[in-house]
Amino acid sequence: MVKINQITVLSTAMVLALALATPARAQFGNILKKAKNAVKEKAKEKAEETKDKVMNKAANAVKSKTGDALNNVTGMDKTADKTAGNTEESVDTYFFINGSNLSKSGQYNKLISLYKQNFEPSKEALTHEPFANNESVPSGYSKSYKQMYAAYEHLDPKLFPLQPYYKYPTFYALGKNRLFNPLAYYLDMIKMFLTAPMGYEGYEKLGIVGYNATKNPELVSADGQKLAMQVDELFRYPMAARFFADPNCKSSVWALGMLLAYESTRVTAVKEYAVKGNTGVADAKAGLMFPYAAGVSPYDREVLMRDVACVAVDINLIATTVNDFYEMVETSKEPHLKVLYMLAGNEMYKHILTEHKDYERNKGKFNSQLMSYTRYNNTPEYAEIVNAAVVTPEPPTMALKAGAMDRQLNAQVLSIARQKVPGALRVVVINEAWKVHYNGSVPTDRAVRAWVVYRNKKGKLEAHDYSFCQDYQGGGKYGAMRYKGVGMQTVYVKQ
């Protein structure tokens, strides 16, 4: 089980503010590189105060340089809804004709129209959350803390079961100091997936974040039940909450692109959870329950986010963000970030831009996005970029232990191995006894596994497992030893 303070988060408040408030050519990858020396989340109060001062100074510098022109790039212009043609009639028509089944069901009507409302904070929120009445607008958004947090009080409890919001500051990323934590969590986690070889099972499965009286005290329900969340909810949950409260802004569209990339086949092919699902018992020994009801998934939120984006977000902001992602494929220095931006661009083009309610009458304006999508979607260049990011993990180092069959078969196996494995130095037969394979009740062969030892290109002693067998001849007899196949394990040999 993961404790929140065990997760290292880059203190990227300043650098991410700059990245989100400048064009793609600012090379977000290089900006992130500068953040690697930043402090961890949960730093001392003095460090937090210093960080706030630096962040405010940076934000003011950005504002002074970009001025009102920034609104045209980021979509923070308050007239964006009108330019997108988002009348209530057109929005509702789209939802119920072209939306997902979740939208068509009508059960989430209040959530998908949340952004239209102008709520006021409750007395309870004002008492418990310092930013509940804060009218400043966070970097990259179009609404104030006060407006967004007031909307949080009306989020659908099925998809946002941690209620009231102000009791869960980590999972709603409340306040200025937590503003960029979701993206920092995301970038830390996505690197693991985008650098993992397909089929690789050596990395740690995604764990849960559970209640802990000292470390995670907020994870408890109103009736006292100790709760747990999947660790990726540290970014999925707050990104979704912010989006439904304020979808038509650069930060929300950016976050949507990140979540779309997170659900791409490249990521889901290697992503695995230690505890399956999001409902019921999360950890029986620790007494933890997931807060979601049966049949509800965080992915449902993201499906609805797509629907809202296709009607509530200015199509020009969508198009600009798609171009930004594709530009950063070119400018990013780190290979895994090239993959991330390519996936985000592809997914946003396919699922949002071309599905937007205003696309058909404007599609002639989006040829540059079409060109990039055609270039990067499942093409040889796509494969080259994906493969360049993969980091083959160093194999473990271990002593090779011989089984009882080694003395009897070592010479035969070594002779065959030298024909199949160039540079084979020696073998170690692993089995204690023959492994007999059958076709029904009839034996087909008997086999053993063996480590074949050789030196790799760097001159290091390495071993890989292979199998060798004798085919069944009938009458209880087996033939000569032969090569059967190659296994999946490579290790460094402990000497």
Protein backbone atom coordinates (compact mmCIF):
# COMPACT_ATOMS: atom_id res chain seq x y z
CA MET A 1 0.00 0.00 0.00
CA VAL A 2 1.29 3.44 -0.95
CA LYS A 3 1.42 6.33 1.51
CA ILE A 4 0.96 9.73 -0.07
CA ASN A 5 4.16 11.12 1.40
CA GLN A 6 6.11 8.18 -0.03
CA ILE A 7 5.38 9.34 -3.58
CA THR A 8 8.04 11.73 -4.82
CA VAL A 9 6.54 14.68 -6.63
CA LEU A 10 8.60 17.28 -8.43
CA SER A 11 7.84 20.71 -7.02
CA THR A 12 7.04 22.01 -10.48
CA ALA A 13 4.79 24.93 -9.60
CA MET A 14 6.96 27.54 -11.28
CA VAL A 15 8.17 25.56 -14.30
CA LEU A 16 4.76 24.09 -15.11
CA ALA A 17 3.16 27.51 -14.86
CA LEU A 18 5.65 28.72 -17.43
CA ALA A 19 5.11 25.68 -19.62
CA LEU A 20 1.35 26.06 -19.68
CA ALA A 21 1.47 29.79 -20.28
CA THR A 22 3.92 29.78 -23.20
CA PRO A 23 3.79 28.32 -26.70
CA ALA A 24 4.85 24.73 -27.44
CA ARG A 25 8.18 26.00 -28.71
CA ALA A 26 9.19 26.63 -25.11
CA GLN A 27 10.21 22.95 -25.12
CA PHE A 28 8.32 21.60 -22.17
CA GLY A 29 10.71 18.69 -21.95
CA ASN A 30 13.64 20.98 -21.25
CA ILE A 31 11.62 22.88 -18.65
CA LEU A 32 10.83 19.64 -16.85
CA LYS A 33 14.50 18.72 -16.86
CA LYS A 34 15.24 21.86 -14.85
CA ALA A 35 12.67 20.73 -12.28
CA LYS A 36 14.56 17.59 -11.29
CA ASN A 37 16.37 19.42 -8.52
CA ALA A 38 13.15 20.68 -6.99
CA VAL A 39 11.97 19.63 -3.54
CA LYS A 40 9.55 16.81 -2.69
CA GLU A 41 5.90 17.34 -1.92
CA LYS A 42 5.34 17.81 1.80
CA ALA A 43 8.39 20.07 2.12
CA LYS A 44 8.91 22.15 5.23
CA GLU A 45 6.83 25.27 5.64
CA LYS A 46 9.78 27.52 5.00
CA ALA A 47 10.48 25.82 1.69
CA GLU A 48 6.82 26.11 0.75
CA GLU A 49 6.84 29.83 1.47
CA THR A 50 9.92 30.28 -0.69
CA LYS A 51 8.33 28.27 -3.48
CA ASP A 52 5.21 30.44 -3.36
CA LYS A 53 7.27 33.59 -3.73
CA VAL A 54 9.17 32.17 -6.71
CA MET A 55 5.97 30.94 -8.32
CA ASN A 56 4.25 34.30 -7.93
CA LYS A 57 7.26 36.08 -9.34
CA ALA A 58 7.39 33.72 -12.32
CA ALA A 59 3.67 34.02 -12.95
CA ASN A 60 3.88 37.81 -12.90
CA ALA A 61 6.80 37.72 -15.30
CA VAL A 62 4.87 35.52 -17.69
CA LYS A 63 1.83 37.75 -17.47
CA SER A 64 3.85 40.88 -18.17
CA LYS A 65 5.41 39.33 -21.26
CA THR A 66 2.34 37.75 -22.76
CA GLY A 67 -0.43 40.16 -21.80
CA ASP A 68 -3.82 39.87 -23.36
CA ALA A 69 -2.42 37.96 -26.34
CA LEU A 70 -2.15 34.92 -24.08
CA ASN A 71 -5.90 34.55 -24.06
CA ASN A 72 -5.93 33.83 -27.78
CA VAL A 73 -3.46 30.98 -27.32
CA THR A 74 -4.77 29.45 -24.11
CA GLY A 75 -8.48 29.80 -24.62
CA MET A 76 -8.95 31.82 -21.44
CA ASP A 77 -10.98 34.42 -23.30
CA LYS A 78 -14.34 34.71 -21.59
CA THR A 79 -16.07 34.96 -24.98
CA ALA A 80 -14.88 31.52 -26.07
CA ASP A 81 -18.26 29.88 -25.55
CA LYS A 82 -19.84 32.29 -28.01
CA THR A 83 -17.16 31.85 -30.68
CA ALA A 84 -17.63 28.09 -30.45
CA GLY A 85 -21.37 28.50 -31.01
CA ASN A 86 -22.14 26.80 -27.74
CA THR A 87 -25.80 27.70 -27.34
CA GLU A 88 -27.73 25.56 -24.90
CA GLU A 89 -29.77 24.16 -27.76
CA SER A 90 -26.73 23.06 -29.78
CA VAL A 91 -25.02 21.55 -26.72
CA ASP A 92 -28.04 19.54 -25.62
CA THR A 93 -28.71 18.32 -29.16
CA TYR A 94 -25.15 17.09 -29.50
CA PHE A 95 -25.15 15.29 -26.15
CA PHE A 96 -28.27 13.29 -26.88
CA ILE A 97 -27.49 12.48 -30.52
CA ASN A 98 -23.71 12.11 -30.64
CA GLY A 99 -22.68 11.68 -27.00
CA SER A 100 -21.64 8.49 -25.26
CA ASN A 101 -24.20 6.11 -23.79
CA LEU A 102 -23.44 7.62 -20.39
CA SER A 103 -24.53 11.04 -21.66
CA LYS A 104 -27.53 9.66 -23.47
CA SER A 105 -28.68 7.86 -20.32
CA GLY A 106 -29.45 11.21 -18.71
CA GLN A 107 -28.14 10.10 -15.32
CA TYR A 108 -25.23 12.56 -15.46
CA ASN A 109 -27.06 15.60 -16.84
CA LYS A 110 -26.09 17.80 -13.90
CA LEU A 111 -22.44 16.85 -14.15
CA ILE A 112 -22.05 17.48 -17.89
CA SER A 113 -23.72 20.88 -17.55
CA LEU A 114 -21.88 21.82 -14.35
CA TYR A 115 -19.65 24.31 -16.16
CA LYS A 116 -22.68 26.44 -17.08
CA GLN A 117 -23.64 27.10 -13.48
CA ASN A 118 -22.53 29.93 -11.22
CA PHE A 119 -22.55 28.44 -7.74
CA GLU A 120 -21.72 30.09 -4.45
CA PRO A 121 -19.65 28.35 -1.76
CA SER A 122 -21.50 26.90 1.19
CA LYS A 123 -20.89 28.09 4.76
CA GLU A 124 -19.27 24.75 5.55
CA ALA A 125 -16.83 25.10 2.63
CA LEU A 126 -15.93 28.64 3.67
CA THR A 127 -15.21 27.36 7.16
CA HIS A 128 -13.00 24.44 6.12
CA GLU A 129 -11.27 25.49 2.88
CA PRO A 130 -9.19 28.71 2.79
CA PHE A 131 -9.45 29.00 -1.01
CA ALA A 132 -13.23 28.55 -1.10
CA ASN A 133 -13.67 32.33 -1.27
CA ASN A 134 -10.49 33.12 -3.20
CA GLU A 135 -11.32 35.05 -6.36
CA SER A 136 -7.89 34.80 -8.00
CA VAL A 137 -7.71 32.73 -11.18
CA PRO A 138 -5.09 29.95 -11.12
CA SER A 139 -2.61 29.78 -13.97
CA GLY A 140 -4.05 28.22 -17.12
CA TYR A 141 -7.70 28.36 -16.00
CA SER A 142 -10.57 30.70 -16.80
CA LYS A 143 -12.43 30.49 -13.48
CA SER A 144 -11.36 31.48 -10.00
CA TYR A 145 -10.66 29.12 -7.12
CA LYS A 146 -13.96 30.27 -5.63
CA GLN A 147 -15.94 29.37 -8.76
CA MET A 148 -14.29 25.99 -9.24
CA TYR A 149 -14.51 24.95 -5.61
CA ALA A 150 -18.17 25.99 -5.42
CA ALA A 151 -18.79 23.71 -8.41
CA TYR A 152 -17.01 20.85 -6.58
CA GLU A 153 -19.85 20.88 -4.05
CA HIS A 154 -22.18 19.80 -6.87
CA LEU A 155 -20.07 17.07 -8.51
CA ASP A 156 -21.94 13.82 -9.03
CA PRO A 157 -21.25 11.65 -5.95
CA LYS A 158 -21.27 8.45 -8.00
CA LEU A 159 -18.23 9.56 -10.00
CA PHE A 160 -16.78 11.79 -7.27
CA PRO A 161 -17.51 9.82 -4.09
CA LEU A 162 -15.05 11.73 -1.90
CA GLN A 163 -17.49 14.30 -0.52
CA PRO A 164 -17.52 16.98 0.74
CA TYR A 165 -14.55 18.02 -1.35
CA TYR A 166 -12.84 20.14 1.32
CA LYS A 167 -12.21 17.07 3.48
CA TYR A 168 -10.03 15.55 0.73
CA PRO A 169 -7.43 18.22 -0.12
CA THR A 170 -4.98 15.77 -1.70
CA PHE A 171 -7.45 14.16 -4.08
CA TYR A 172 -8.90 17.50 -5.18
CA ALA A 173 -5.41 19.08 -5.17
CA LEU A 174 -6.73 22.08 -3.24
CA GLY A 175 -4.94 25.38 -2.90
CA LYS A 176 -2.08 27.03 -4.71
CA ASN A 177 0.60 24.70 -3.33
CA ARG A 178 -1.11 21.62 -4.77
CA LEU A 179 -2.15 23.19 -8.08
CA PHE A 180 0.38 21.35 -10.22
CA ASN A 181 0.69 18.17 -8.15
CA PRO A 182 -1.66 16.12 -10.39
CA LEU A 183 0.44 16.81 -13.48
CA ALA A 184 3.64 16.08 -11.56
CA TYR A 185 2.22 12.74 -10.34
CA TYR A 186 1.14 12.01 -13.90
CA LEU A 187 4.50 12.75 -15.51
CA ASP A 188 6.29 10.63 -12.95
CA MET A 189 4.01 7.66 -13.57
CA ILE A 190 3.64 7.90 -17.35
CA LYS A 191 7.41 7.67 -17.80
CA MET A 192 7.36 4.20 -16.25
CA PHE A 193 4.84 2.99 -18.81
CA LEU A 194 6.30 4.66 -21.90
CA THR A 195 9.80 3.35 -21.20
CA ALA A 196 8.64 -0.21 -20.40
CA PRO A 197 9.15 -2.86 -23.10
CA MET A 198 5.91 -4.42 -24.36
CA GLY A 199 5.26 -7.57 -22.38
CA TYR A 200 7.72 -6.63 -19.65
CA GLU A 201 6.48 -7.68 -16.22
CA GLY A 202 9.36 -6.61 -14.04
CA TYR A 203 8.07 -3.23 -12.88
CA GLU A 204 5.94 -2.80 -9.79
CA LYS A 205 2.19 -2.94 -10.32
CA LEU A 206 0.18 0.16 -9.47
CA GLY A 207 -0.74 0.06 -5.81
CA ILE A 208 -3.43 1.69 -3.73
CA VAL A 209 -3.33 4.78 -1.53
CA GLY A 210 -5.07 3.88 1.71
CA TYR A 211 -6.10 5.48 4.97
CA ASN A 212 -3.33 5.96 7.49
CA ALA A 213 -3.91 7.94 10.67
CA THR A 214 -0.57 9.72 10.31
CA LYS A 215 0.18 9.78 6.60
CA ASN A 216 -3.19 9.62 4.82
CA PRO A 217 -5.74 10.75 7.43
CA GLU A 218 -8.18 12.24 4.88
CA LEU A 219 -9.12 8.86 3.40
CA VAL A 220 -12.11 8.09 5.59
CA SER A 221 -15.80 8.36 4.76
CA ALA A 222 -18.40 10.39 6.63
CA ASP A 223 -19.52 7.27 8.49
CA GLY A 224 -15.97 6.40 9.55
CA GLN A 225 -15.13 3.75 6.93
CA LYS A 226 -11.43 3.68 6.05
CA LEU A 227 -10.98 4.18 2.31
CA ALA A 228 -8.50 3.43 -0.43
CA MET A 229 -8.00 4.72 -3.97
CA GLN A 230 -5.90 3.46 -6.85
CA VAL A 231 -2.66 5.43 -6.85
CA ASP A 232 -3.30 6.92 -10.30
CA GLU A 233 -6.36 8.65 -8.84
CA LEU A 234 -3.90 11.18 -7.45
CA PHE A 235 -4.04 12.76 -10.89
CA ARG A 236 -7.14 11.27 -12.54
CA TYR A 237 -9.51 12.47 -9.81
CA PRO A 238 -8.42 16.14 -9.52
CA MET A 239 -7.92 16.53 -13.27
CA ALA A 240 -11.51 15.39 -13.84
CA ALA A 241 -12.95 17.60 -11.09
CA ARG A 242 -11.26 20.67 -12.52
CA PHE A 243 -12.35 19.81 -16.04
CA PHE A 244 -16.06 19.56 -15.22
CA ALA A 245 -15.87 22.82 -13.29
CA ASP A 246 -13.88 24.73 -15.94
CA PRO A 247 -13.52 22.85 -19.25
CA ASN A 248 -12.93 25.72 -21.67
CA CYS A 249 -9.37 26.63 -20.70
CA LYS A 250 -5.85 25.59 -21.60
CA SER A 251 -5.08 23.67 -18.41
CA SER A 252 -8.24 21.55 -18.60
CA VAL A 253 -7.75 20.73 -22.28
CA TRP A 254 -4.12 19.89 -21.60
CA ALA A 255 -5.15 17.57 -18.75
CA LEU A 256 -7.72 15.90 -21.02
CA GLY A 257 -4.95 15.21 -23.52
CA MET A 258 -2.85 13.62 -20.80
CA LEU A 259 -5.73 11.38 -19.70
CA LEU A 260 -6.47 10.39 -23.30
CA ALA A 261 -2.82 9.36 -23.69
CA TYR A 262 -3.06 7.43 -20.41
CA GLU A 263 -5.90 5.33 -21.86
CA SER A 264 -4.12 4.75 -25.19
CA THR A 265 -3.25 1.18 -26.17
CA ARG A 266 0.48 1.87 -25.71
CA VAL A 267 -0.11 2.54 -22.00
CA THR A 268 -2.90 0.07 -21.25
CA ALA A 269 -0.81 -2.73 -22.77
CA VAL A 270 1.72 -2.44 -19.92
CA LYS A 271 -0.38 -0.89 -17.14
CA GLU A 272 -1.45 -3.29 -14.41
CA TYR A 273 -3.02 -2.80 -10.99
CA ALA A 274 -2.05 -4.77 -7.89
CA VAL A 275 -5.69 -4.67 -6.75
CA LYS A 276 -8.20 -5.12 -9.55
CA GLY A 277 -11.22 -2.87 -9.83
CA ASN A 278 -12.45 0.19 -7.95
CA THR A 279 -15.32 -1.17 -5.88
CA GLY A 280 -15.70 -3.34 -2.81
CA VAL A 281 -12.83 -4.42 -0.58
CA ALA A 282 -9.47 -2.83 -1.37
CA ASP A 283 -7.43 -4.37 1.47
CA ALA A 284 -9.18 -6.75 3.85
CA LYS A 285 -6.27 -6.89 6.31
CA ALA A 286 -6.13 -3.10 6.63
CA GLY A 287 -9.93 -2.78 6.62
CA LEU A 288 -10.00 -0.57 3.50
CA MET A 289 -12.87 -0.16 1.05
CA PHE A 290 -13.01 1.54 -2.33
CA PRO A 291 -15.57 4.40 -2.27
CA TYR A 292 -17.15 3.69 -5.66
CA ALA A 293 -20.45 1.85 -6.03
CA ALA A 294 -20.62 -1.32 -8.11
CA GLY A 295 -20.57 -0.67 -11.84
CA VAL A 296 -18.89 2.75 -11.54
CA SER A 297 -15.37 3.39 -12.78
CA PRO A 298 -13.04 6.42 -12.97
CA TYR A 299 -12.98 5.75 -16.71
CA ASP A 300 -16.67 6.75 -16.82
CA ARG A 301 -15.63 10.26 -15.80
CA GLU A 302 -13.17 10.40 -18.67
CA VAL A 303 -15.78 9.27 -21.18
CA LEU A 304 -18.01 12.13 -20.04
CA MET A 305 -15.06 14.51 -20.23
CA ARG A 306 -14.78 13.69 -23.92
CA ASP A 307 -18.45 14.47 -24.42
CA VAL A 308 -18.18 17.80 -22.63
CA ALA A 309 -15.03 18.73 -24.57
CA CYS A 310 -16.87 18.19 -27.85
CA VAL A 311 -19.49 20.80 -26.97
CA ALA A 312 -18.20 23.11 -24.24
CA VAL A 313 -14.65 23.79 -25.40
CA ASP A 314 -13.86 26.21 -28.21
CA ILE A 315 -12.86 24.05 -31.19
CA ASN A 316 -10.02 26.46 -31.94
CA LEU A 317 -8.56 25.78 -28.48
CA ILE A 318 -8.80 22.05 -29.17
CA ALA A 319 -7.10 22.50 -32.54
CA THR A 320 -4.35 24.68 -31.07
CA THR A 321 -3.66 22.14 -28.34
CA VAL A 322 -3.46 19.30 -30.87
CA ASN A 323 -0.88 21.32 -32.82
CA ASP A 324 0.98 22.09 -29.59
CA PHE A 325 1.25 18.39 -28.79
CA TYR A 326 2.54 17.55 -32.26
CA GLU A 327 5.04 20.42 -32.17
CA MET A 328 6.41 19.11 -28.90
CA VAL A 329 7.05 15.73 -30.52
CA GLU A 330 9.62 17.61 -32.57
CA THR A 331 11.07 19.81 -29.83
CA SER A 332 11.17 17.50 -26.81
CA LYS A 333 14.57 16.10 -25.96
CA GLU A 334 13.48 13.17 -23.79
CA PRO A 335 12.27 10.18 -25.86
CA HIS A 336 9.39 9.26 -23.55
CA LEU A 337 8.01 12.82 -23.75
CA LYS A 338 8.03 12.58 -27.55
CA VAL A 339 5.84 9.48 -27.20
CA LEU A 340 3.56 11.17 -24.67
CA TYR A 341 2.89 14.20 -26.85
CA MET A 342 2.43 12.04 -29.95
CA LEU A 343 -0.16 9.91 -28.14
CA ALA A 344 -1.91 12.99 -26.73
CA GLY A 345 -2.04 14.59 -30.17
CA ASN A 346 -3.32 11.44 -31.85
CA GLU A 347 -5.97 10.74 -29.23
CA MET A 348 -7.20 14.34 -29.04
CA TYR A 349 -7.39 14.64 -32.82
CA LYS A 350 -9.30 11.38 -33.17
CA HIS A 351 -11.62 11.54 -30.15
CA ILE A 352 -12.15 15.27 -29.63
CA LEU A 353 -11.32 17.46 -32.62
CA THR A 354 -12.96 15.34 -35.32
CA GLU A 355 -15.91 14.54 -33.03
CA HIS A 356 -16.47 18.16 -32.00
CA LYS A 357 -19.89 19.56 -32.82
CA ASP A 358 -18.30 22.36 -34.87
CA TYR A 359 -15.86 20.17 -36.80
CA GLU A 360 -17.76 19.52 -40.02
CA ARG A 361 -18.32 23.18 -40.81
CA ASN A 362 -14.73 24.09 -39.93
CA LYS A 363 -12.66 21.05 -40.95
CA GLY A 364 -10.99 22.91 -43.81
CA LYS A 365 -9.15 24.97 -41.17
CA PHE A 366 -7.53 21.91 -39.61
CA ASN A 367 -5.33 20.55 -42.38
CA SER A 368 -2.16 20.92 -40.30
CA GLN A 369 -3.68 18.71 -37.59
CA LEU A 370 -4.73 16.17 -40.23
CA MET A 371 -1.22 16.14 -41.70
CA SER A 372 0.35 15.47 -38.30
CA TYR A 373 -2.17 12.78 -37.42
CA THR A 374 -1.56 11.06 -40.76
CA ARG A 375 2.18 11.22 -40.11
CA TYR A 376 2.12 9.91 -36.54
CA ASN A 377 -0.83 7.53 -36.29
CA ASN A 378 0.31 3.89 -36.47
CA THR A 379 3.01 4.60 -39.04
CA PRO A 380 6.66 3.49 -39.20
CA GLU A 381 7.62 6.84 -37.69
CA TYR A 382 5.18 6.23 -34.83
CA ALA A 383 6.83 2.86 -34.14
CA GLU A 384 10.30 4.40 -34.32
CA ILE A 385 9.39 7.07 -31.74
CA VAL A 386 7.75 4.53 -29.42
CA ASN A 387 10.68 2.13 -29.63
CA ALA A 388 13.25 4.87 -29.04
CA ALA A 389 11.72 5.54 -25.62
CA VAL A 390 11.91 1.94 -24.44
CA VAL A 391 14.55 1.27 -21.82
CA THR A 392 15.45 -2.39 -21.50
CA PRO A 393 15.79 -3.06 -17.77
CA GLU A 394 19.05 -4.39 -16.42
CA PRO A 395 18.61 -8.11 -15.68
CA PRO A 396 18.98 -9.30 -12.10
CA THR A 397 22.25 -10.83 -10.87
CA MET A 398 22.01 -14.31 -9.45
CA ALA A 399 24.00 -17.43 -8.70
CA LEU A 400 23.09 -20.30 -11.07
CA LYS A 401 21.95 -23.32 -9.08
CA ALA A 402 22.25 -26.72 -10.72
CA GLY A 403 19.51 -29.32 -10.35
CA ALA A 404 19.94 -33.06 -9.91
CA MET A 405 19.84 -33.61 -13.70
CA ASP A 406 22.86 -31.40 -14.33
CA ARG A 407 25.56 -34.03 -13.79
CA GLN A 408 23.82 -36.54 -16.07
CA LEU A 409 22.94 -34.18 -18.95
CA ASN A 410 25.41 -31.29 -18.81
CA ALA A 411 27.74 -32.50 -21.56
CA GLN A 412 24.87 -33.30 -24.00
CA VAL A 413 23.12 -30.00 -23.39
CA LEU A 414 26.35 -27.98 -23.73
CA SER A 415 27.13 -29.61 -27.08
CA ILE A 416 23.70 -28.66 -28.45
CA ALA A 417 23.75 -25.19 -26.87
CA ARG A 418 27.03 -24.33 -28.60
CA GLN A 419 25.34 -24.96 -31.95
CA LYS A 420 22.47 -22.60 -31.11
CA VAL A 421 24.04 -19.90 -28.92
CA PRO A 422 27.20 -18.25 -30.30
CA GLY A 423 29.85 -17.94 -27.63
CA ALA A 424 28.21 -20.37 -25.18
CA LEU A 425 30.72 -21.02 -22.39
CA ARG A 426 28.90 -23.47 -20.15
CA VAL A 427 25.42 -24.63 -19.15
CA VAL A 428 23.67 -25.28 -15.87
CA VAL A 429 20.75 -27.71 -16.04
CA ILE A 430 18.05 -26.49 -13.67
CA ASN A 431 15.71 -29.48 -13.32
CA GLU A 432 15.61 -31.98 -10.49
CA ALA A 433 13.82 -34.45 -12.80
CA TRP A 434 12.54 -34.76 -16.35
CA LYS A 435 9.44 -32.73 -17.25
CA VAL A 436 7.24 -35.06 -19.32
CA HIS A 437 4.81 -33.47 -21.81
CA TYR A 438 1.68 -35.28 -23.01
CA ASN A 439 -0.82 -35.18 -25.82
CA GLY A 440 -3.81 -36.46 -23.91
CA SER A 441 -2.44 -39.53 -22.14
CA VAL A 442 0.36 -40.17 -24.62
CA PRO A 443 3.84 -38.74 -23.87
CA THR A 444 5.28 -36.45 -26.57
CA ASP A 445 8.68 -35.64 -25.05
CA ARG A 446 10.56 -35.15 -21.82
CA ALA A 447 12.39 -31.88 -21.33
CA VAL A 448 14.75 -29.94 -19.10
CA ARG A 449 15.59 -26.25 -18.78
CA ALA A 450 19.14 -25.00 -18.62
CA TRP A 451 20.98 -21.73 -18.20
CA VAL A 452 23.31 -21.10 -21.15
CA VAL A 453 26.16 -18.85 -20.05
CA TYR A 454 27.97 -16.44 -22.41
CA ARG A 455 29.53 -12.99 -22.41
CA ASN A 456 27.37 -10.10 -23.66
CA LYS A 457 28.60 -7.29 -25.93
CA LYS A 458 29.97 -5.44 -22.94
CA GLY A 459 31.95 -8.48 -21.84
CA LYS A 460 29.75 -9.17 -18.83
CA LEU A 461 28.91 -12.77 -17.93
CA GLU A 462 25.24 -13.37 -18.75
CA ALA A 463 22.88 -16.34 -18.91
CA HIS A 464 19.58 -17.04 -20.67
CA ASP A 465 17.28 -20.00 -20.19
CA TYR A 466 16.69 -22.54 -22.95
CA SER A 467 14.89 -25.86 -23.08
CA PHE A 468 16.10 -29.19 -24.44
CA CYS A 469 14.20 -32.43 -24.86
CA GLN A 470 14.10 -36.06 -25.96
CA ASP A 471 11.15 -37.08 -28.17
CA TYR A 472 9.08 -40.06 -27.14
CA GLN A 473 9.73 -43.11 -29.37
CA GLY A 474 7.11 -45.47 -27.93
CA GLY A 475 7.49 -48.46 -25.71
CA GLY A 476 8.75 -46.30 -22.86
CA LYS A 477 11.79 -45.18 -24.87
CA TYR A 478 13.00 -41.66 -25.72
CA GLY A 479 15.27 -40.47 -28.56
CA ALA A 480 18.40 -38.34 -28.63
CA MET A 481 18.63 -34.98 -26.91
CA ARG A 482 17.68 -31.99 -29.10
CA TYR A 483 17.12 -28.24 -28.80
CA LYS A 484 13.49 -27.37 -28.01
CA GLY A 485 13.17 -23.61 -27.48
CA VAL A 486 14.22 -20.37 -25.86
CA GLY A 487 12.84 -19.05 -22.59
CA MET A 488 12.08 -15.53 -21.32
CA GLN A 489 14.72 -15.00 -18.61
CA THR A 490 18.06 -13.26 -18.85
CA VAL A 491 20.28 -12.78 -15.79
CA TYR A 492 23.75 -11.58 -14.93
CA VAL A 493 25.80 -14.43 -13.48
CA LYS A 494 27.00 -13.95 -9.94
CA GLN A 495 30.60 -15.07 -9.64
